Amino acid sequence: MPLAESKGKKSTGVKSRTLSNVQMELIKLYSTELEYGDLMEVKELLANHFAHKAISEADNIWNQKEMSADTMEDWLNEN
C-alpha cells in the first residue's frame, strides 16, 4: 500500500497510508449500519472468500509440484 508523506507547514514526518479499493468499499458498506447478524454474515462471506482463494492456490501448487498423499505422509514422518 503506498505511503504519502504528510504535507503542511508543521509536518511531523509521520507517513499516512492511502486507503485501498477494498478498504474504501468496506467503509461504504459499513456506513450503512448493518444489524449484528448481517455484519456477522458479511464477515463470514469475506473469510470464506479468502479461505477458498488460499485453498485453490495451495491446490495449484500441489498439482504443479506433482505432490501426492505419499508426499504428505513423508512430511509427517520427518524427524
C-alpha atoms as a PDB file:
ATOM      1  CA  MET A   1       0.000   0.000   0.000  1.00  0.00           C
ATOM      2  CA  PRO A   2       1.504   3.337  -0.967  1.00  0.00           C
ATOM      3  CA  LEU A   3       2.508   5.760   1.731  1.00  0.00           C
ATOM      4  CA  ALA A   4       2.149   9.505   1.359  1.00  0.00           C
ATOM      5  CA  GLU A   5       4.345  11.957   3.247  1.00  0.00           C
ATOM      6  CA  SER A   6       2.295  14.368   5.334  1.00  0.00           C
ATOM      7  CA  LYS A   7       2.401  17.832   3.823  1.00  0.00           C
ATOM      8  CA  GLY A   8       1.989  21.127   5.558  1.00  0.00           C
ATOM      9  CA  LYS A   9       3.945  23.720   7.492  1.00  0.00           C
ATOM     10  CA  LYS A  10       4.018  21.646  10.693  1.00  0.00           C
ATOM     11  CA  SER A  11       4.827  18.238   9.251  1.00  0.00           C
ATOM     12  CA  THR A  12       5.527  15.659  11.916  1.00  0.00           C
ATOM     13  CA  GLY A  13       7.320  13.363   9.489  1.00  0.00           C
ATOM     14  CA  VAL A  14       4.585  10.769  10.054  1.00  0.00           C
ATOM     15  CA  LYS A  15       3.600   8.946   6.892  1.00  0.00           C
ATOM     16  CA  SER A  16      -0.086   8.377   6.242  1.00  0.00           C
ATOM     17  CA  ARG A  17      -1.485   5.445   4.304  1.00  0.00           C
ATOM     18  CA  THR A  18      -3.742   5.729   1.303  1.00  0.00           C
ATOM     19  CA  LEU A  19      -6.803   3.518   1.574  1.00  0.00           C
ATOM     20  CA  SER A  20      -7.014   0.590  -0.843  1.00  0.00           C
ATOM     21  CA  ASN A  21     -10.000  -0.053  -3.072  1.00  0.00           C
ATOM     22  CA  VAL A  22     -11.273  -2.800  -0.762  1.00  0.00           C
ATOM     23  CA  GLN A  23     -10.956  -0.540   2.285  1.00  0.00           C
ATOM     24  CA  MET A  24     -12.984   2.158   0.519  1.00  0.00           C
ATOM     25  CA  GLU A  25     -15.724  -0.339  -0.400  1.00  0.00           C
ATOM     26  CA  LEU A  26     -15.844  -1.707   3.139  1.00  0.00           C
ATOM     27  CA  ILE A  27     -16.135   1.816   4.542  1.00  0.00           C
ATOM     28  CA  LYS A  28     -19.101   2.416   2.229  1.00  0.00           C
ATOM     29  CA  LEU A  29     -20.662  -0.907   3.239  1.00  0.00           C
ATOM     30  CA  TYR A  30     -20.159  -0.444   6.969  1.00  0.00           C
ATOM     31  CA  SER A  31     -21.502   3.099   6.896  1.00  0.00           C
ATOM     32  CA  THR A  32     -24.960   1.601   6.234  1.00  0.00           C
ATOM     33  CA  GLU A  33     -25.371   0.492   9.884  1.00  0.00           C
ATOM     34  CA  LEU A  34     -25.887  -3.250   9.434  1.00  0.00           C
ATOM     35  CA  GLU A  35     -27.617  -5.302  12.074  1.00  0.00           C
ATOM     36  CA  TYR A  36     -25.289  -7.559  14.066  1.00  0.00           C
ATOM     37  CA  GLY A  37     -26.447 -10.743  12.282  1.00  0.00           C
ATOM     38  CA  ASP A  38     -25.873  -9.177   8.864  1.00  0.00           C
ATOM     39  CA  LEU A  39     -22.445  -7.968   9.932  1.00  0.00           C
ATOM     40  CA  MET A  40     -21.507 -11.486  11.025  1.00  0.00           C
ATOM     41  CA  GLU A  41     -22.712 -12.838   7.662  1.00  0.00           C
ATOM     42  CA  VAL A  42     -20.547 -10.320   5.790  1.00  0.00           C
ATOM     43  CA  LYS A  43     -17.527 -11.252   7.916  1.00  0.00           C
ATOM     44  CA  GLU A  44     -18.157 -14.942   7.231  1.00  0.00           C
ATOM     45  CA  LEU A  45     -18.528 -14.300   3.498  1.00  0.00           C
ATOM     46  CA  LEU A  46     -15.217 -12.457   3.420  1.00  0.00           C
ATOM     47  CA  ALA A  47     -13.457 -15.153   5.454  1.00  0.00           C
ATOM     48  CA  ASN A  48     -14.841 -17.899   3.202  1.00  0.00           C
ATOM     49  CA  HIS A  49     -13.882 -15.997   0.065  1.00  0.00           C
ATOM     50  CA  PHE A  50     -10.249 -15.607   1.106  1.00  0.00           C
ATOM     51  CA  ALA A  51     -10.068 -19.157   2.502  1.00  0.00           C
ATOM     52  CA  HIS A  52     -11.330 -20.505  -0.827  1.00  0.00           C
ATOM     53  CA  LYS A  53      -8.703 -18.481  -2.704  1.00  0.00           C
ATOM     54  CA  ALA A  54      -5.928 -19.765  -0.419  1.00  0.00           C
ATOM     55  CA  ILE A  55      -7.056 -23.386  -0.746  1.00  0.00           C
ATOM     56  CA  SER A  56      -7.321 -23.031  -4.518  1.00  0.00           C
ATOM     57  CA  GLU A  57      -3.788 -21.633  -4.749  1.00  0.00           C
ATOM     58  CA  ALA A  58      -2.458 -24.392  -2.476  1.00  0.00           C
ATOM     59  CA  ASP A  59      -4.146 -26.973  -4.734  1.00  0.00           C
ATOM     60  CA  ASN A  60      -2.499 -25.382  -7.787  1.00  0.00           C
ATOM     61  CA  ILE A  61       0.929 -25.557  -6.162  1.00  0.00           C
ATOM     62  CA  TRP A  62       0.269 -29.143  -5.035  1.00  0.00           C
ATOM     63  CA  ASN A  63      -0.601 -30.111  -8.624  1.00  0.00           C
ATOM     64  CA  GLN A  64       2.285 -28.186 -10.216  1.00  0.00           C
ATOM     65  CA  LYS A  65       4.782 -29.902  -7.934  1.00  0.00           C
ATOM     66  CA  GLU A  66       3.062 -33.265  -8.525  1.00  0.00           C
ATOM     67  CA  MET A  67       2.621 -33.908  -4.830  1.00  0.00           C
ATOM     68  CA  SER A  68       0.609 -36.831  -3.514  1.00  0.00           C
ATOM     69  CA  ALA A  69      -0.655 -38.386  -0.316  1.00  0.00           C
ATOM     70  CA  ASP A  70       2.761 -40.080  -0.110  1.00  0.00           C
ATOM     71  CA  THR A  71       4.403 -36.634  -0.062  1.00  0.00           C
ATOM     72  CA  MET A  72       2.249 -35.626   2.901  1.00  0.00           C
ATOM     73  CA  GLU A  73       2.981 -38.913   4.666  1.00  0.00           C
ATOM     74  CA  ASP A  74       6.716 -38.355   4.177  1.00  0.00           C
ATOM     75  CA  TRP A  75       6.418 -34.855   5.687  1.00  0.00           C
ATOM     76  CA  LEU A  76       4.512 -36.216   8.677  1.00  0.00           C
ATOM     77  CA  ASN A  77       7.217 -38.808   9.318  1.00  0.00           C
ATOM     78  CA  GLU A  78      10.180 -36.429   9.129  1.00  0.00           C
ATOM     79  CA  ASN A  79      12.200 -36.064  12.319  1.00  0.00           C
END
